[in-house]
Protein backbone atom coordinates (compact mmCIF):
# COMPACT_ATOMS: atom_id res chain seq x y z
CA UNK A 1 74.15 55.14 98.93
CA UNK A 2 77.79 56.47 97.52
CA UNK A 3 80.67 54.81 98.07
CA UNK A 4 83.92 56.22 99.43
CA UNK A 5 87.53 54.93 97.84
CA UNK A 6 90.71 55.82 99.93
CA UNK A 7 93.73 54.97 98.19
CA UNK A 8 97.17 54.55 100.22
CA UNK A 9 100.52 53.96 99.09
CA UNK A 10 102.31 51.35 100.95
CA UNK A 11 105.40 52.24 102.94
CA UNK A 12 108.64 50.16 102.63
CA UNK A 13 108.51 47.57 105.04
CA UNK A 14 104.94 47.90 106.10
CA UNK A 15 102.75 45.25 107.29
CA UNK A 16 98.84 45.21 107.82
CA UNK A 17 96.23 43.86 109.60
CA UNK A 18 92.48 43.45 109.93
CA UNK A 19 89.25 42.92 108.57
CA UNK A 20 88.37 39.28 109.45
CA UNK A 21 89.80 36.79 111.93
CA UNK A 22 89.56 33.94 109.80
CA UNK A 23 91.96 35.44 107.18
CA UNK A 24 94.91 35.37 110.06
CA UNK A 25 97.09 33.04 107.94
CA UNK A 26 97.25 35.96 105.37
CA UNK A 27 98.38 38.31 107.51
CA UNK A 28 100.34 40.46 107.85
CA UNK A 29 98.97 41.61 104.46
CA UNK A 30 100.97 44.28 102.21
CA UNK A 31 103.63 41.65 100.73
CA UNK A 32 101.22 39.99 98.25
CA UNK A 33 98.15 40.28 96.77
CA UNK A 34 94.98 40.23 98.63
CA UNK A 35 91.24 41.41 98.70
CA UNK A 36 88.23 41.14 100.74
CA UNK A 37 84.82 42.48 100.91
CA UNK A 38 83.27 42.20 104.51
CA UNK A 39 80.04 43.10 103.19
CA UNK A 40 79.86 40.48 100.62
CA UNK A 41 82.48 37.80 101.68
CA UNK A 42 80.56 36.10 104.62
CA UNK A 43 82.85 33.06 105.91
CA UNK A 44 84.79 35.23 108.38
CA UNK A 45 83.42 34.73 111.60
CA UNK A 46 84.36 37.24 113.76
CA UNK A 47 85.01 40.61 111.74
CA UNK A 48 85.86 44.37 112.12
CA UNK A 49 86.11 47.27 109.98
CA UNK A 50 89.53 48.12 110.94
CA UNK A 51 93.03 47.90 109.56
CA UNK A 52 95.93 48.60 111.38
CA UNK A 53 99.95 49.17 110.04
CA UNK A 54 102.94 48.30 111.32
CA UNK A 55 104.08 51.73 110.75
CA UNK A 56 101.30 53.18 112.95
CA UNK A 57 98.51 54.02 110.55
CA UNK A 58 94.96 52.87 110.73
CA UNK A 59 91.72 52.83 108.48
CA UNK A 60 88.31 52.43 110.19
CA UNK A 61 84.63 52.80 108.95
CA UNK A 62 81.56 52.12 110.97
CA UNK A 63 80.19 50.03 107.82
CA UNK A 64 81.55 46.92 106.23
CA UNK A 65 84.15 48.08 103.65
CA UNK A 66 85.83 46.52 100.83
CA UNK A 67 89.83 46.51 100.59
CA UNK A 68 92.42 45.10 98.52
CA UNK A 69 96.39 45.31 98.91
CA UNK A 70 97.54 45.63 95.33
CA UNK A 71 101.49 45.91 94.51
CA UNK A 72 102.18 49.11 95.79
CA UNK A 73 98.94 50.49 97.60
CA UNK A 74 95.86 49.45 99.32
CA UNK A 75 92.21 50.58 98.45
CA UNK A 76 89.47 50.88 100.70
CA UNK A 77 86.03 51.08 99.23
CA UNK A 78 83.15 51.72 101.52
CA UNK A 79 79.66 53.74 102.46
CA UNK A 80 81.73 55.59 104.56
CA UNK A 81 82.87 57.79 105.78
CA UNK A 82 86.27 55.99 105.58
CA UNK A 83 88.44 57.38 108.64
CA UNK A 84 92.31 57.19 108.23
CA UNK A 85 94.68 58.26 110.74
CA UNK A 86 98.92 57.86 110.74
CA UNK A 87 101.75 59.04 113.21
CA UNK A 88 101.49 56.46 115.73
CA UNK A 89 104.61 55.22 114.96
CA UNK A 90 104.22 51.13 115.82
CA UNK A 91 101.44 48.24 115.24
CA UNK A 92 100.58 49.01 119.14
CA UNK A 93 100.68 52.53 118.69
CA UNK A 94 97.91 52.26 115.98
CA UNK A 95 95.87 49.40 117.76
CA UNK A 96 96.22 51.77 121.12
CA UNK A 97 94.22 54.90 119.49
CA UNK A 98 91.88 52.71 117.03
CA UNK A 99 90.84 50.80 120.28
CA UNK A 100 90.57 54.09 122.48
CA UNK A 101 88.72 55.84 119.81
CA UNK A 102 86.39 53.52 118.16
CA UNK A 103 86.08 50.41 120.50
CA UNK A 104 86.78 51.57 123.74
CA UNK A 105 86.84 48.58 126.68
CA UNK A 106 84.26 47.98 128.60
CA UNK A 107 85.41 47.75 132.50
CA UNK A 108 83.98 44.09 133.14
CA UNK A 109 85.13 40.58 131.69
CA UNK A 110 82.97 37.54 130.92
CA UNK A 111 82.81 34.68 133.46
CA UNK A 112 86.34 33.99 135.17
CA UNK A 113 86.07 30.51 135.28
CA UNK A 114 86.47 30.70 131.18
CA UNK A 115 90.21 31.92 131.80
CA UNK A 116 91.03 29.97 134.96
CA UNK A 117 90.09 26.47 133.87
CA UNK A 118 89.82 24.27 130.78
CA UNK A 119 86.32 24.78 128.94
CA UNK A 120 84.24 21.17 128.20
CA UNK A 121 82.28 21.61 125.11
CA UNK A 122 80.17 17.92 124.25
CA UNK A 123 79.64 19.02 120.44
CA UNK A 124 81.98 16.30 119.13
CA UNK A 125 81.52 13.72 121.84
CA UNK A 126 77.86 13.94 121.70
CA UNK A 127 76.81 15.50 118.76
CA UNK A 128 73.02 15.58 118.27
CA UNK A 129 72.37 13.06 120.95
CA UNK A 130 73.40 14.94 124.33
CA UNK A 131 71.61 13.14 127.50
CA UNK A 132 71.29 13.71 130.63
CA UNK A 133 73.09 10.69 131.54
CA UNK A 134 75.88 11.26 129.07
CA UNK A 135 76.45 14.61 130.19
CA UNK A 136 77.21 13.35 133.95
CA UNK A 137 79.36 10.90 132.75
CA UNK A 138 81.78 13.09 130.76
CA UNK A 139 82.06 15.60 133.81
CA UNK A 140 82.62 12.29 136.00
CA UNK A 141 85.21 11.45 133.26
CA UNK A 142 86.79 14.58 133.40
CA UNK A 143 87.38 14.45 137.14
CA UNK A 144 88.51 10.73 137.22
CA UNK A 145 91.16 11.59 135.13
CA UNK A 146 92.56 14.04 136.71
CA UNK A 147 91.75 17.13 134.78
CA UNK A 148 90.31 20.43 136.36
CA UNK A 149 86.64 21.03 136.46
CA UNK A 150 85.54 24.12 134.23
CA UNK A 151 82.71 25.25 132.45
CA UNK A 152 80.63 22.21 130.66
CA UNK A 153 78.87 23.36 127.37
CA UNK A 154 75.57 21.03 126.30
CA UNK A 155 75.32 21.54 122.94
CA UNK A 156 72.78 21.31 120.12
CA UNK A 157 69.62 19.14 120.68
CA UNK A 158 69.06 19.66 124.55
CA UNK A 159 65.92 21.32 123.88
CA UNK A 160 62.72 20.56 121.71
CA UNK A 161 62.53 22.43 118.60
CA UNK A 162 64.68 25.13 117.53
CA UNK A 163 63.38 28.20 119.59
CA UNK A 164 61.39 26.23 121.90
CA UNK A 165 64.12 26.23 124.93
CA UNK A 166 63.29 24.07 127.20
CA UNK A 167 64.72 20.40 128.00
CA UNK A 168 63.64 17.54 126.01
CA UNK A 169 62.05 15.50 128.64
CA UNK A 170 63.50 12.51 126.93
CA UNK A 171 66.65 12.90 127.32
CA UNK A 172 66.57 15.27 130.05
CA UNK A 173 64.25 13.71 132.73
CA UNK A 174 65.48 15.96 135.74
CA UNK A 175 67.57 18.68 134.48
CA UNK A 176 67.66 20.85 138.08
CA UNK A 177 69.03 17.41 139.38
CA UNK A 178 71.78 17.50 136.68
CA UNK A 179 72.48 20.76 137.07
CA UNK A 180 72.91 20.44 140.94
CA UNK A 181 74.83 17.44 140.54
CA UNK A 182 77.56 19.41 137.51
CA UNK A 183 77.69 21.95 140.44
CA UNK A 184 78.87 20.12 143.19
CA UNK A 185 81.26 19.02 141.31
CA UNK A 186 83.03 22.16 140.65
CA UNK A 187 81.39 23.08 136.94
CA UNK A 188 79.63 25.79 135.81
CA UNK A 189 76.88 24.78 132.89
CA UNK A 190 76.06 26.39 129.72
CA UNK A 191 73.33 25.35 126.81
CA UNK A 192 73.54 26.00 123.23
CA UNK A 193 71.21 28.60 121.78
CA UNK A 194 70.82 29.92 118.20
CA UNK A 195 68.60 32.66 116.63
CA UNK A 196 66.28 29.63 114.64
CA UNK A 197 62.58 28.97 115.33
CA UNK A 198 61.34 25.50 113.39
CA UNK A 199 58.83 26.74 111.25
CA UNK A 200 56.53 23.52 112.05
CA UNK A 201 56.61 24.28 115.84
CA UNK A 202 54.05 25.97 118.38
CA UNK A 203 56.33 28.35 119.04
CA UNK A 204 56.38 29.58 115.51
CA UNK A 205 52.83 29.58 115.29
CA UNK A 206 52.80 31.76 118.37
CA UNK A 207 55.71 34.20 117.53
CA UNK A 208 54.84 34.87 113.78
CA UNK A 209 51.89 37.06 114.54
CA UNK A 210 53.82 38.83 116.67
CA UNK A 211 56.33 40.51 114.14
CA UNK A 212 59.43 39.32 115.89
CA UNK A 213 60.78 37.09 112.94
CA UNK A 214 62.45 38.32 110.27
CA UNK A 215 60.70 39.07 107.00
CA UNK A 216 62.14 38.63 103.51
CA UNK A 217 61.74 41.30 100.74
CA UNK A 218 58.16 40.24 99.88
CA UNK A 219 57.17 41.01 103.44
CA UNK A 220 56.67 36.92 104.38
CA UNK A 221 58.42 35.69 107.37
CA UNK A 222 61.86 34.53 106.25
CA UNK A 223 62.50 30.87 106.16
CA UNK A 224 66.53 30.12 105.83
CA UNK A 225 68.35 27.23 105.28
CA UNK A 226 71.39 26.47 107.97
CA UNK A 227 73.52 23.39 108.85
CA UNK A 228 70.75 21.64 110.52
CA UNK A 229 67.62 22.46 108.15
CA UNK A 230 65.38 25.31 107.20
CA UNK A 231 64.13 28.00 110.28
CA UNK A 232 62.38 31.23 111.07
CA UNK A 233 65.05 33.43 112.31
CA UNK A 234 64.49 36.04 115.14
CA UNK A 235 64.79 39.81 114.28
CA UNK A 236 67.03 40.89 116.86
CA UNK A 237 66.98 44.50 115.91
CA UNK A 238 63.39 44.30 117.34
CA UNK A 239 63.22 45.13 120.98
CA UNK A 240 60.13 42.61 121.48
CA UNK A 241 62.41 39.70 120.12
CA UNK A 242 65.28 40.73 122.51
CA UNK A 243 63.19 40.80 125.01
CA UNK A 244 61.38 37.64 124.49
CA UNK A 245 64.72 35.77 123.95
CA UNK A 246 66.09 37.07 127.48
CA UNK A 247 62.57 35.69 128.80
CA UNK A 248 63.68 32.03 127.70
CA UNK A 249 66.95 32.41 128.95
CA UNK A 250 66.28 33.84 132.27
CA UNK A 251 63.45 31.31 132.86
CA UNK A 252 66.31 28.16 132.21
CA UNK A 253 68.62 30.55 135.19
CA UNK A 254 65.85 30.95 137.40
CA UNK A 255 63.78 27.21 136.76
CA UNK A 256 67.25 24.98 136.89
CA UNK A 257 70.18 27.23 137.50
CA UNK A 258 71.77 27.22 134.33
CA UNK A 259 74.99 29.45 134.39
CA UNK A 260 75.09 30.84 131.02
CA UNK A 261 75.00 29.93 127.13
CA UNK A 262 76.95 29.37 123.85
CA UNK A 263 75.22 31.81 121.19
CA UNK A 264 75.84 29.81 118.53
CA UNK A 265 75.10 30.95 114.56
CA UNK A 266 74.16 34.32 113.86
CA UNK A 267 76.61 34.57 110.77
CA UNK A 268 76.05 37.33 108.65
CA UNK A 269 75.26 34.56 105.74
CA UNK A 270 71.71 33.62 107.19
CA UNK A 271 70.27 37.46 106.56
CA UNK A 272 69.99 38.98 103.02
CA UNK A 273 70.77 42.52 102.36
CA UNK A 274 67.17 43.13 101.11
CA UNK A 275 65.56 41.55 104.50
CA UNK A 276 62.90 43.59 106.01
CA UNK A 277 63.96 44.20 109.75
CA UNK A 278 62.34 46.47 112.66
CA UNK A 279 65.28 48.48 111.94
CA UNK A 280 65.02 49.34 108.31
CA UNK A 281 68.11 48.67 106.17
CA UNK A 282 70.18 46.63 108.81
CA UNK A 283 73.19 45.20 106.90
CA UNK A 284 73.59 41.44 107.15
CA UNK A 285 76.55 42.68 109.41
CA UNK A 286 74.25 44.70 111.67
CA UNK A 287 72.12 41.40 112.13
CA UNK A 288 74.82 39.94 113.29
CA UNK A 289 75.82 42.36 115.78
CA UNK A 290 72.24 42.14 117.19
CA UNK A 291 72.63 38.42 117.71
CA UNK A 292 76.01 39.38 119.57
CA UNK A 293 74.56 41.96 121.88
CA UNK A 294 72.08 39.45 123.39
CA UNK A 295 74.96 37.76 125.25
CA UNK A 296 76.13 41.04 126.81
CA UNK A 297 73.33 40.29 129.39
CA UNK A 298 75.33 37.07 130.58
CA UNK A 299 78.53 37.09 131.76
CA UNK A 300 79.26 33.30 131.06
CA UNK A 301 78.71 33.50 127.22
CA UNK A 302 80.42 32.55 124.16
CA UNK A 303 80.08 33.15 120.39
CA UNK A 304 81.62 32.02 116.95
CA UNK A 305 80.55 34.95 115.02
CA UNK A 306 80.79 38.70 115.52
CA UNK A 307 80.77 42.13 113.73
CA UNK A 308 82.34 45.00 115.65
CA UNK A 309 81.70 44.91 119.44
CA UNK A 310 85.16 44.92 120.30
CA UNK A 311 86.48 45.80 123.66
CA UNK A 312 83.06 44.30 124.84
CA UNK A 313 82.79 41.40 127.48
CA UNK A 314 82.49 38.59 124.73
CA UNK A 315 84.19 35.25 124.74
CA UNK A 316 84.92 34.79 120.95
CA UNK A 317 85.59 31.03 120.07
CA UNK A 318 87.66 30.71 116.49
CA UNK A 319 85.88 29.27 113.83
CA UNK A 320 85.04 25.33 113.43
CA UNK A 321 89.09 24.02 112.79
CA UNK A 322 89.39 20.60 111.04
CA UNK A 323 91.26 17.68 112.06
CA UNK A 324 94.24 18.49 110.17
CA UNK A 325 97.96 20.01 110.42
CA UNK A 326 97.54 22.69 107.29
CA UNK A 327 94.73 24.38 105.80
CA UNK A 328 92.00 25.12 108.18
CA UNK A 329 93.42 23.10 111.10
CA UNK A 330 96.15 23.36 113.81
CA UNK A 331 98.33 25.68 111.68
CA UNK A 332 95.07 28.21 111.76
CA UNK A 333 95.02 28.61 115.61
CA UNK A 334 98.03 31.20 116.00
CA UNK A 335 97.70 33.30 113.11
CA UNK A 336 93.48 33.50 113.64
CA UNK A 337 94.22 34.17 117.33
CA UNK A 338 96.58 37.00 116.89
CA UNK A 339 94.23 38.38 114.20
CA UNK A 340 91.23 38.41 116.55
CA UNK A 341 93.49 39.96 119.12
CA UNK A 342 94.38 42.92 116.93
CA UNK A 343 90.17 43.56 115.70
CA UNK A 344 89.73 43.95 119.54
CA UNK A 345 88.61 40.73 120.52
CA UNK A 346 90.78 40.15 123.77
CA UNK A 347 88.93 37.23 125.23
CA UNK A 348 89.61 34.77 122.55
CA UNK A 349 89.25 30.64 122.68
CA UNK A 350 91.24 28.74 120.40
CA UNK A 351 88.15 25.91 118.53
CA UNK A 352 87.90 22.78 120.16
CA UNK A 353 90.74 20.75 121.19
CA UNK A 354 91.22 18.10 117.59
CA UNK A 355 89.20 20.59 115.84
CA UNK A 356 85.23 21.25 116.09
CA UNK A 357 84.45 20.56 112.37
CA UNK A 358 82.70 17.02 113.20
CA UNK A 359 82.70 16.12 109.30
CA UNK A 360 86.59 15.85 109.61
CA UNK A 361 86.75 14.21 112.83
CA UNK A 362 86.75 10.60 113.31
CA UNK A 363 88.36 7.86 115.18
CA UNK A 364 89.19 5.97 112.16
CA UNK A 365 91.19 9.00 111.14
CA UNK A 366 92.21 10.35 114.54
CA UNK A 367 95.83 11.53 114.52
CA UNK A 368 96.88 11.23 118.23
CA UNK A 369 99.93 13.48 118.06
CA UNK A 370 97.87 16.15 116.36
CA UNK A 371 95.69 16.04 119.26
CA UNK A 372 98.33 16.53 121.58
CA UNK A 373 99.63 19.50 119.64
CA UNK A 374 96.05 21.10 119.40
CA UNK A 375 95.85 20.58 123.26
CA UNK A 376 99.73 22.08 123.83
CA UNK A 377 98.95 25.32 121.45
CA UNK A 378 95.63 26.01 123.26
CA UNK A 379 97.03 25.74 126.82
CA UNK A 380 98.35 28.92 126.70
CA UNK A 381 95.49 30.91 124.82
CA UNK A 382 93.55 32.96 127.13
CA UNK A 383 90.90 30.07 127.10
CA UNK A 384 91.27 26.33 125.82
CA UNK A 385 88.48 23.76 125.36
CA UNK A 386 88.19 20.19 124.83
CA UNK A 387 85.44 18.33 123.24
CA UNK A 388 86.15 14.80 121.90
CA UNK A 389 87.27 12.92 125.20
CA UNK A 390 91.15 12.49 125.34
CA UNK A 391 90.45 9.31 127.63
CA UNK A 392 88.27 7.86 124.97
CA UNK A 393 90.14 8.42 121.77
CA UNK A 394 93.78 8.56 123.13
CA UNK A 395 96.23 5.92 124.66
CA UNK A 396 97.72 6.61 127.78
CA UNK A 397 100.80 8.36 126.79
CA UNK A 398 98.95 10.85 124.57
CA UNK A 399 96.30 11.41 127.18
CA UNK A 400 98.97 11.91 130.11
CA UNK A 401 99.97 14.81 127.74
CA UNK A 402 96.33 16.26 127.24
CA UNK A 403 95.69 16.49 130.96
CA UNK A 404 99.58 17.91 131.34
CA UNK A 405 98.07 20.69 128.82
CA UNK A 406 94.92 21.01 130.81
CA UNK A 407 96.65 21.33 134.32
CA UNK A 408 99.20 23.72 132.70
CA UNK A 409 96.37 26.20 131.65
CA UNK A 410 94.79 25.97 135.05
CA UNK A 411 98.28 26.71 136.73
CA UNK A 412 98.37 30.10 134.68
CA UNK A 413 94.67 30.27 135.20
CA UNK A 414 95.52 33.30 137.58
CA UNK A 415 97.84 34.97 135.27
CA UNK A 416 95.58 34.83 132.61
CA UNK A 417 92.59 36.18 134.37
CA UNK A 418 95.02 39.21 135.51
CA UNK A 419 95.47 39.59 131.91
CA UNK A 420 91.90 39.63 130.98
CA UNK A 421 91.04 42.16 133.94
CA UNK A 422 93.68 44.65 132.45
CA UNK A 423 92.23 44.27 128.83
CA UNK A 424 88.96 45.83 130.47
CA UNK A 425 90.54 48.65 131.10
CA UNK A 426 93.65 49.03 128.72
CA UNK A 427 91.76 47.48 125.80
CA UNK A 428 94.84 45.34 124.75
CA UNK A 429 94.76 42.00 123.61
CA UNK A 430 95.67 39.05 125.60
CA UNK A 431 97.11 37.00 123.25
CA UNK A 432 99.49 39.44 121.39
CA UNK A 433 101.81 39.37 118.38
CA UNK A 434 105.47 39.36 118.59
CA UNK A 435 105.34 42.76 116.65
CA UNK A 436 102.61 44.25 118.68
CA UNK A 437 105.52 44.00 121.35
CA UNK A 438 108.48 44.20 119.93
CA UNK A 439 108.78 46.76 116.93
CA UNK A 440 111.47 46.77 114.61
CA UNK A 441 112.84 43.44 115.39
CA UNK A 442 111.59 41.79 112.40
CA UNK A 443 108.91 39.93 114.13
CA UNK A 444 105.70 41.06 111.46
CA UNK A 445 106.10 37.42 109.43
CA UNK A 446 106.06 35.21 112.81
CA UNK A 447 102.93 33.16 112.67
CA UNK A 448 103.97 30.14 114.92
CA UNK A 449 104.45 31.74 118.05
CA UNK A 450 103.16 34.42 120.23
CA UNK A 451 103.32 36.55 123.20
CA UNK A 452 100.66 35.79 126.73
CA UNK A 453 100.56 39.68 128.18
CA UNK A 454 103.98 41.15 127.55
CA UNK A 455 106.23 38.89 129.20
CA UNK A 456 105.50 35.41 128.37
CA UNK A 457 106.62 33.92 125.09
CA UNK A 458 104.66 30.80 123.59
CA UNK A 459 106.07 28.90 120.92
CA UNK A 460 103.78 25.84 120.16
CA UNK A 461 104.70 22.85 117.73
CA UNK A 462 101.95 22.99 114.95
CA UNK A 463 104.32 20.79 112.08
CA UNK A 464 103.48 17.01 111.91
CA UNK A 465 106.63 14.93 113.77
CA UNK A 466 108.26 17.74 114.52
CA UNK A 467 110.65 17.20 117.38
CA UNK A 468 112.63 20.55 117.02
CA UNK A 469 111.94 23.98 115.71
CA UNK A 470 112.97 27.30 115.23
CA UNK A 471 111.92 30.06 117.79
CA UNK A 472 112.73 33.98 117.43
CA UNK A 473 113.85 35.47 121.02
CA UNK A 474 113.65 39.41 121.05
CA UNK A 475 116.17 41.50 123.09
CA UNK A 476 116.14 40.83 126.90
CA UNK A 477 116.82 37.50 128.88
CA UNK A 478 114.12 34.97 128.49
CA UNK A 479 113.72 31.56 131.11
CA UNK A 480 112.24 28.69 129.36
CA UNK A 481 110.06 26.10 130.78
CA UNK A 482 113.15 23.29 130.67
CA UNK A 483 115.32 25.35 132.61
CA UNK A 484 116.97 27.23 130.23
CA UNK A 485 118.26 30.69 129.64
CA UNK A 486 118.46 32.58 126.21
CA UNK A 487 119.80 36.12 125.57
CA UNK A 488 118.15 37.58 122.84
CA UNK A 489 117.94 38.91 120.32
CA UNK A 490 118.68 35.04 118.85
CA UNK A 491 116.91 32.49 116.39
CA UNK A 492 117.48 29.14 117.84
CA UNK A 493 116.54 25.52 117.32
CA UNK A 494 115.35 24.14 120.22
CA UNK A 495 114.15 20.54 121.15
CA UNK A 496 110.38 20.17 121.48
CA UNK A 497 109.65 16.43 122.16
CA UNK A 498 106.12 15.25 122.18
CA UNK A 499 105.56 16.01 125.75
CA UNK A 500 106.82 19.81 125.76
CA UNK A 501 105.05 22.77 125.01
CA UNK A 502 107.94 25.76 125.00
CA UNK A 503 107.21 28.68 126.70
CA UNK A 504 109.93 31.60 128.11
CA UNK A 505 109.37 34.33 130.61
CA UNK A 506 111.28 37.82 129.95
CA UNK A 507 113.24 38.53 133.20
């Protein structure tokens, strides 16, 4: 296949966004050198073949492309066709046209409880040792500490070998009763699943002759190394494989009352360009997309990896973050969340509070201030997700601030839900870049504050030890959480004691 090449001269004061969510801290592009290949640079989690500009220009392709911002121009190379448009004046104008044309929104949203209450993922707290007793204890502790019930996610190793999606009888002796108790407490229940099948399992021996497992270039069943071993992989381009996984998940719903599923893995890195799949020529990104399509049958879903499918009712959690202030930590939540929205993934969730990368997270190295600021930064995202139990790792003062953040999210839940419903019609992000809402006001480089919808400006603290921060206010009158009133445009230094998440509503 012959590649196409597109070269655009950068306009004065032009800024660009797009490509991969995980590159949010490098956005906006245009002021420095940057390059990535969406087909071969595979560490980006959610991605979309879209670039959009503050000057109302866009580039789109149905296939993964490579792009490079050089000193005076943008170069895009891909299998094509590469579609370029201009004349839409602003970032919002370019995004709106791209959304309507290339990934129009589906008029439905993920499960409402994902937006209206905090989520509780048991990964950091339980790792590979979840049990029925521990799950119920965690849920009870949520309520005992005055936090709102929400979706509870039972993570990896609740099951028999990978691909055998039945409860481990030793760890979960009566899963039906457990789910009933969780429902009675006000929780909905998700289970972790992945597209892998343990090769030394009875399930593997049954599935291999059916042809629904991915084959490598030699025609043998592909065995792929991933973060927890070596496994075969479902070929989700095969309708029979799709039917099989749906049968497993629907049995869990029918037999135990499970409400939904966390669809992990499916990252492009677990596939090879020359794999032999049911649909010939499927790219690594295409396999990622095929796994993501499985979740469209379940309103209560979560993904951490996705290719295309912008505008679809899929909850998209950011890439696993470290327990750190800078690098792949707290400082990346807002830039990556903004990038996610501008790629068409409106139903965004930051990573687990405190960080979901368990190798970097331990009580010995826990920074309680960082934990609190993580919770505050997440509180007015469309979704927020706890994992490590704040009542276990924090003292009374820091715990109180996290509980306040959880309650704040619940307090704004109905407003966030209305924004989600609007996104399902308009395609607009829920979490919005300042430049999206206020073009021409010099907001393009702002990465540490955001708009929730069109009226709520949120300015979390993402710097260690900060008790004051600068906030850029656009034109208009802004009423603050602290009772202050600011008339913009203005750039003000505000007080941010540890217990405060600053937010301002446009009057």
